[in-house]
Amino acid sequence: MKVVLAAGRAIEITNQETRPDEQLWMAAGDLRAASGWTLKPEGLCKDETCVPLAAHTLEDLVDGDAINVSGLWEHLDRPILHDADHTTWILGESAEDRARKLDSLEAPDFTLPDIDGKPHSLSDYRGKKVLLASWASW
């Protein structure tokens, strides 16, 4: 089993393989669940964005229902990382997406419990001043 971290969530993938070239291959449905990208006749698409693929690129990225996620991320010029055992993969966002989020000055939403265990989401306080204090042992 592998864990793929993408779009702020962790997805456990059981139907995948790492081939001898150390590329991550996943079923098309798992890729959609992990990242939102799906294979369509016009290319690989996420929401309204489609990346047309030339025939030779398509051959490198698609093998039946399996998609070479590592190759796709490299084709999209996005960062991808894995641990030494190839069991955990991180699919990074494009520099353009990261810059857009930074320019918005809007913090990503998250939910944490208070001291009494009641969950609070940052989105509950949008439009209000919020002080966030964090601490780490390192």
Protein backbone atom coordinates (compact mmCIF):
# COMPACT_ATOMS: atom_id res chain seq x y z
CA MET A 1 0.00 0.00 0.00
CA LYS A 2 1.14 3.53 -0.75
CA VAL A 3 0.10 6.89 0.61
CA VAL A 4 -0.21 9.79 -1.80
CA LEU A 5 -0.35 13.30 -0.36
CA ALA A 6 -1.96 15.76 -2.73
CA ALA A 7 -4.27 18.76 -2.59
CA GLY A 8 -4.08 18.92 1.20
CA ARG A 9 -5.24 15.35 1.81
CA ALA A 10 -3.75 11.89 2.18
CA ILE A 11 -5.08 9.08 0.01
CA GLU A 12 -4.21 5.42 0.60
CA ILE A 13 -3.65 3.69 -2.73
CA THR A 14 -3.75 -0.09 -2.92
CA ASN A 15 -4.01 -0.46 -6.71
CA GLN A 16 -0.67 0.98 -7.77
CA GLU A 17 2.79 -0.06 -8.68
CA THR A 18 6.30 1.28 -8.77
CA ARG A 19 7.91 0.00 -11.94
CA PRO A 20 11.64 -0.59 -12.34
CA ASP A 21 12.10 3.03 -13.46
CA GLU A 22 10.81 4.07 -9.99
CA GLN A 23 7.84 5.90 -11.46
CA LEU A 24 4.50 5.87 -9.63
CA TRP A 25 1.70 4.29 -11.68
CA MET A 26 -1.90 4.47 -10.43
CA ALA A 27 -5.31 3.47 -11.71
CA ALA A 28 -7.12 6.39 -13.35
CA GLY A 29 -9.81 6.39 -10.64
CA ASP A 30 -7.20 6.58 -7.89
CA LEU A 31 -5.49 9.49 -9.64
CA ARG A 32 -8.83 11.31 -9.77
CA ALA A 33 -9.43 10.65 -6.05
CA ALA A 34 -5.91 11.75 -5.09
CA SER A 35 -5.49 14.83 -7.25
CA GLY A 36 -8.63 15.62 -9.27
CA TRP A 37 -6.88 14.85 -12.59
CA THR A 38 -8.72 12.55 -14.98
CA LEU A 39 -7.99 11.12 -18.42
CA LYS A 40 -10.35 12.35 -21.14
CA PRO A 41 -10.21 12.12 -24.95
CA GLU A 42 -8.85 15.68 -25.05
CA GLY A 43 -6.01 14.87 -22.62
CA LEU A 44 -5.50 14.89 -18.87
CA CYS A 45 -7.91 17.31 -17.22
CA LYS A 46 -8.60 18.85 -13.84
CA ASP A 47 -11.75 20.92 -13.55
CA GLU A 48 -11.77 23.19 -16.63
CA THR A 49 -8.05 22.80 -17.33
CA CYS A 50 -7.00 20.18 -19.88
CA VAL A 51 -3.47 19.33 -20.95
CA PRO A 52 -3.46 17.92 -24.48
CA LEU A 53 -1.00 15.07 -24.86
CA ALA A 54 0.91 14.22 -28.03
CA ALA A 55 0.77 10.56 -29.06
CA HIS A 56 4.33 9.83 -27.85
CA THR A 57 3.67 11.55 -24.51
CA LEU A 58 0.41 9.65 -24.12
CA GLU A 59 2.29 6.38 -24.64
CA ASP A 60 4.71 7.32 -21.84
CA LEU A 61 1.95 8.33 -19.42
CA VAL A 62 -0.90 5.89 -20.04
CA ASP A 63 -0.86 2.10 -20.06
CA GLY A 64 -4.43 0.77 -20.17
CA ASP A 65 -6.10 2.07 -17.01
CA ALA A 66 -2.76 2.90 -15.35
CA ILE A 67 -1.36 6.42 -15.41
CA ASN A 68 2.26 7.32 -14.82
CA VAL A 69 1.71 9.95 -12.14
CA SER A 70 5.42 10.72 -11.81
CA GLY A 71 5.66 11.36 -15.53
CA LEU A 72 2.49 13.46 -15.50
CA TRP A 73 3.78 15.65 -12.68
CA GLU A 74 7.10 16.12 -14.47
CA HIS A 75 5.20 16.97 -17.68
CA LEU A 76 3.17 19.56 -15.73
CA ASP A 77 6.41 20.96 -14.22
CA ARG A 78 5.18 20.30 -10.69
CA PRO A 79 7.25 19.05 -7.77
CA ILE A 80 6.95 15.38 -6.77
CA LEU A 81 8.71 13.68 -3.88
CA HIS A 82 8.83 10.18 -2.44
CA ASP A 83 10.45 8.46 0.50
CA ALA A 84 13.33 6.00 0.10
CA ASP A 85 10.97 3.01 0.05
CA HIS A 86 8.62 4.60 -2.52
CA THR A 87 5.67 4.08 -0.15
CA THR A 88 4.82 7.73 0.42
CA TRP A 89 4.52 10.16 -2.46
CA ILE A 90 3.87 13.91 -2.34
CA LEU A 91 2.33 15.57 -5.39
CA GLY A 92 3.13 19.26 -5.16
CA GLU A 93 1.24 22.21 -6.58
CA SER A 94 2.57 24.29 -9.45
CA ALA A 95 4.52 27.44 -8.70
CA GLU A 96 1.71 29.42 -10.35
CA ASP A 97 -0.92 27.92 -8.00
CA ARG A 98 1.26 28.55 -4.94
CA ALA A 99 1.90 32.16 -6.01
CA ARG A 100 -1.82 32.74 -6.57
CA LYS A 101 -2.61 31.50 -3.06
CA LEU A 102 0.13 33.65 -1.52
CA ASP A 103 -1.09 36.72 -3.41
CA SER A 104 -4.61 36.19 -2.06
CA LEU A 105 -3.33 36.53 1.54
CA GLU A 106 -5.98 33.99 2.53
CA ALA A 107 -4.83 31.21 4.83
CA PRO A 108 -5.88 27.68 3.89
CA ASP A 109 -8.79 26.32 5.88
CA PHE A 110 -8.18 23.87 8.70
CA THR A 111 -10.11 22.53 11.68
CA LEU A 112 -8.69 21.99 15.16
CA PRO A 113 -10.33 21.27 18.52
CA ASP A 114 -10.26 23.75 21.38
CA ILE A 115 -9.28 22.75 24.91
CA ASP A 116 -12.77 21.32 25.47
CA GLY A 117 -12.65 19.28 22.27
CA LYS A 118 -15.06 21.48 20.29
CA PRO A 119 -13.84 21.74 16.66
CA HIS A 120 -13.22 25.17 15.16
CA SER A 121 -12.53 25.86 11.49
CA LEU A 122 -10.65 28.88 10.29
CA SER A 123 -13.38 29.44 7.68
CA ASP A 124 -15.85 30.01 10.55
CA TYR A 125 -13.99 33.23 11.30
CA ARG A 126 -13.53 34.65 7.78
CA GLY A 127 -13.90 38.42 7.81
CA LYS A 128 -12.93 38.61 11.49
CA LYS A 129 -9.54 39.23 13.06
CA VAL A 130 -7.95 36.00 14.22
CA LEU A 131 -4.74 35.47 16.16
CA LEU A 132 -3.10 32.16 15.40
CA ALA A 133 -0.42 30.99 17.81
CA SER A 134 1.61 27.91 17.00
CA TRP A 135 4.35 25.97 18.68
CA ALA A 136 6.68 23.20 17.66
CA SER A 137 9.27 21.27 19.63
CA TRP A 138 11.81 21.57 16.86
